Protein backbone atom coordinates (compact mmCIF):
# COMPACT_ATOMS: atom_id res chain seq x y z
CA UNK A 1 -62.92 39.80 62.64
CA UNK A 2 -65.44 37.14 63.65
CA UNK A 3 -68.97 38.23 65.80
CA UNK A 4 -67.98 35.66 68.26
CA UNK A 5 -64.50 37.68 68.24
CA UNK A 6 -65.64 41.34 68.67
CA UNK A 7 -68.18 39.96 71.33
CA UNK A 8 -65.97 38.89 73.03
CA UNK A 9 -63.61 41.81 72.93
CA UNK A 10 -67.05 44.11 73.74
CA UNK A 11 -66.91 42.37 76.60
CA UNK A 12 -63.31 42.70 78.07
CA UNK A 13 -64.04 45.51 77.77
CA UNK A 14 -67.16 45.93 79.68
CA UNK A 15 -65.42 45.03 82.50
CA UNK A 16 -62.77 45.61 82.23
CA UNK A 17 -62.19 49.32 81.62
CA UNK A 18 -62.07 50.47 85.50
CA UNK A 19 -58.45 48.55 86.16
CA UNK A 20 -57.79 49.38 82.90
CA UNK A 21 -58.11 53.36 83.42
CA UNK A 22 -57.32 52.71 87.71
CA UNK A 23 -53.30 51.23 85.90
CA UNK A 24 -51.99 53.70 83.64
CA UNK A 25 -53.65 56.37 85.73
CA UNK A 26 -51.13 54.72 88.61
CA UNK A 27 -48.80 54.76 85.77
CA UNK A 28 -48.92 58.29 85.19
CA UNK A 29 -50.86 60.34 87.55
CA UNK A 30 -53.23 62.19 86.19
CA UNK A 31 -56.73 61.24 84.65
CA UNK A 32 -56.73 62.77 80.34
CA UNK A 33 -53.12 61.18 79.90
CA UNK A 34 -54.51 57.99 81.48
CA UNK A 35 -58.36 57.16 79.93
CA UNK A 36 -55.87 58.76 75.94
CA UNK A 37 -53.69 56.00 77.37
CA UNK A 38 -56.16 52.75 77.00
CA UNK A 39 -58.20 54.15 75.45
CA UNK A 40 -54.70 53.68 72.52
CA UNK A 41 -53.86 49.95 74.21
CA UNK A 42 -57.31 49.72 73.23
CA UNK A 43 -57.57 50.03 69.87
CA UNK A 44 -54.44 47.97 69.22
CA UNK A 45 -55.50 45.00 71.50
CA UNK A 46 -58.45 44.41 68.78
CA UNK A 47 -56.90 43.12 65.65
CA UNK A 48 -55.12 41.12 67.57
CA UNK A 49 -57.31 40.28 69.96
CA UNK A 50 -57.63 36.31 68.05
CA UNK A 51 -54.74 35.83 68.21
CA UNK A 52 -54.10 36.62 71.75
CA UNK A 53 -53.38 33.66 74.52
CA UNK A 54 -54.22 35.87 77.27
CA UNK A 55 -55.13 39.72 76.62
CA UNK A 56 -55.12 40.80 79.36
CA UNK A 57 -51.75 40.35 80.40
CA UNK A 58 -51.12 42.24 77.18
CA UNK A 59 -54.10 45.17 77.61
CA UNK A 60 -52.18 45.63 81.03
CA UNK A 61 -48.48 45.68 79.78
CA UNK A 62 -50.42 48.08 76.11
CA UNK A 63 -51.97 50.02 78.44
CA UNK A 64 -48.40 51.33 81.06
CA UNK A 65 -46.59 50.76 78.04
CA UNK A 66 -49.17 53.71 76.11
CA UNK A 67 -49.55 55.29 80.16
CA UNK A 68 -45.64 56.33 79.85
CA UNK A 69 -45.47 57.22 76.06
CA UNK A 70 -48.08 59.76 77.43
CA UNK A 71 -46.41 60.88 79.48
CA UNK A 72 -43.81 61.46 77.05
CA UNK A 73 -45.43 63.13 73.54
CA UNK A 74 -44.70 67.30 73.45
CA UNK A 75 -47.74 69.00 73.97
CA UNK A 76 -48.61 66.40 76.91
CA UNK A 77 -45.85 68.99 78.86
CA UNK A 78 -47.18 72.47 78.41
CA UNK A 79 -49.72 71.69 81.46
CA UNK A 80 -52.27 74.60 82.19
CA UNK A 81 -52.80 77.08 85.21
CA UNK A 82 -55.66 74.26 85.55
CA UNK A 83 -54.22 71.46 86.11
CA UNK A 84 -52.60 72.29 89.57
CA UNK A 85 -56.37 72.05 90.99
CA UNK A 86 -57.97 69.56 92.29
CA UNK A 87 -59.35 67.34 90.02
CA UNK A 88 -63.00 67.02 92.46
CA UNK A 89 -63.91 69.32 94.97
CA UNK A 90 -65.17 67.48 97.88
CA UNK A 91 -67.69 68.04 99.90
CA UNK A 92 -67.41 70.10 103.26
CA UNK A 93 -67.31 66.44 106.26
CA UNK A 94 -67.77 68.91 109.05
CA UNK A 95 -71.13 69.08 109.08
CA UNK A 96 -71.34 64.99 108.84
CA UNK A 97 -68.12 65.17 111.95
CA UNK A 98 -70.73 67.03 114.34
CA UNK A 99 -73.32 64.63 113.23
CA UNK A 100 -70.51 62.13 114.02
CA UNK A 101 -69.94 63.71 118.15
CA UNK A 102 -72.96 64.61 118.52
CA UNK A 103 -73.85 60.42 118.71
CA UNK A 104 -70.86 59.82 120.60
CA UNK A 105 -71.56 62.24 123.71
CA UNK A 106 -75.68 61.25 122.66
CA UNK A 107 -74.04 57.73 122.35
CA UNK A 108 -72.20 57.81 125.94
CA UNK A 109 -75.26 59.78 127.31
CA UNK A 110 -76.50 56.28 128.55
CA UNK A 111 -76.25 53.67 130.63
CA UNK A 112 -74.08 51.09 129.47
CA UNK A 113 -76.06 47.96 129.36
CA UNK A 114 -78.99 50.84 126.64
CA UNK A 115 -76.04 51.37 124.64
CA UNK A 116 -74.85 47.84 124.15
CA UNK A 117 -78.46 46.91 123.06
CA UNK A 118 -78.82 49.47 120.63
CA UNK A 119 -75.31 49.52 118.94
CA UNK A 120 -74.95 46.14 118.72
CA UNK A 121 -78.92 46.21 117.27
CA UNK A 122 -77.78 49.29 115.25
CA UNK A 123 -74.95 50.59 114.51
CA UNK A 124 -73.90 46.83 113.87
CA UNK A 125 -77.05 45.44 111.72
CA UNK A 126 -77.53 42.37 114.65
CA UNK A 127 -80.95 40.88 115.36
CA UNK A 128 -82.54 41.18 118.41
CA UNK A 129 -81.25 37.16 118.70
CA UNK A 130 -77.89 37.82 117.86
CA UNK A 131 -77.70 40.83 120.28
CA UNK A 132 -79.34 38.97 123.28
CA UNK A 133 -77.08 36.04 122.48
CA UNK A 134 -73.97 38.83 122.10
CA UNK A 135 -74.73 40.20 125.70
CA UNK A 136 -76.20 36.89 127.52
CA UNK A 137 -79.16 38.29 128.76
CA UNK A 138 -82.75 37.71 127.51
CA UNK A 139 -84.70 38.59 123.53
CA UNK A 140 -87.31 40.70 126.07
CA UNK A 141 -84.00 42.07 127.60
CA UNK A 142 -82.31 43.31 124.76
CA UNK A 143 -85.52 44.22 122.81
CA UNK A 144 -86.38 46.44 126.11
CA UNK A 145 -82.52 47.96 126.64
CA UNK A 146 -83.38 48.98 122.76
CA UNK A 147 -86.13 50.68 123.30
CA UNK A 148 -85.69 52.30 126.29
CA UNK A 149 -81.96 53.17 124.64
CA UNK A 150 -83.01 55.28 121.58
CA UNK A 151 -86.24 56.86 123.72
CA UNK A 152 -82.96 57.91 125.71
CA UNK A 153 -81.82 58.52 122.42
CA UNK A 154 -83.50 60.88 120.95
CA UNK A 155 -84.34 62.88 123.54
CA UNK A 156 -80.56 63.73 124.28
CA UNK A 157 -79.91 64.61 120.96
CA UNK A 158 -83.65 66.67 121.00
CA UNK A 159 -81.96 68.86 123.18
CA UNK A 160 -80.63 72.12 122.01
CA UNK A 161 -76.67 71.37 123.77
CA UNK A 162 -74.74 68.51 124.11
CA UNK A 163 -71.88 68.96 126.19
CA UNK A 164 -69.00 67.82 123.66
CA UNK A 165 -66.25 68.01 126.07
CA UNK A 166 -67.64 66.67 128.89
CA UNK A 167 -69.28 63.29 127.53
CA UNK A 168 -66.06 63.04 125.54
CA UNK A 169 -63.97 62.89 128.22
CA UNK A 170 -63.31 59.22 129.44
CA UNK A 171 -64.65 58.03 132.73
CA UNK A 172 -61.16 56.72 134.38
CA UNK A 173 -60.14 60.37 133.64
CA UNK A 174 -63.65 62.36 135.70
CA UNK A 175 -62.59 60.55 137.99
CA UNK A 176 -59.69 61.59 138.55
CA UNK A 177 -59.88 64.76 137.63
CA UNK A 178 -62.75 65.25 140.96
CA UNK A 179 -59.92 64.11 142.73
């Protein structure tokens, strides 16, 4: 194979390897089998590389076929007990959910104007001018409302306990419950 063909093959593999792995995984449902299928397909693609007009189509076809063939092999039918376990342990998201609930409750504890300013500036990433324009305020008003909202938000979050239930209930439910 010529040097420029070999370089083109290397570039193609570097660019397309993640997509080929995903295709193989979707086809066979196992990452290890998918890796084997992609390796087999690339080994068959390499000698044919200079003669192919559409190597991407050939590679995808070969990956799908190799993934199916890998699943048919007799030695693949034997499964270890550990294969049924998840491949990657997932982190415990409870702390993240707790933080999200605390921030949401704290946002409900500040005034609607301050909440709008803080959300526009820090959640949506708008500039002061964009925030002022969206909310129909002067830049100074947007700046002061954001500053006061952040200060109040810090106070609420610094408190030992935020009443999640009270702050999570929409305003219309609070008024109908008290009537």
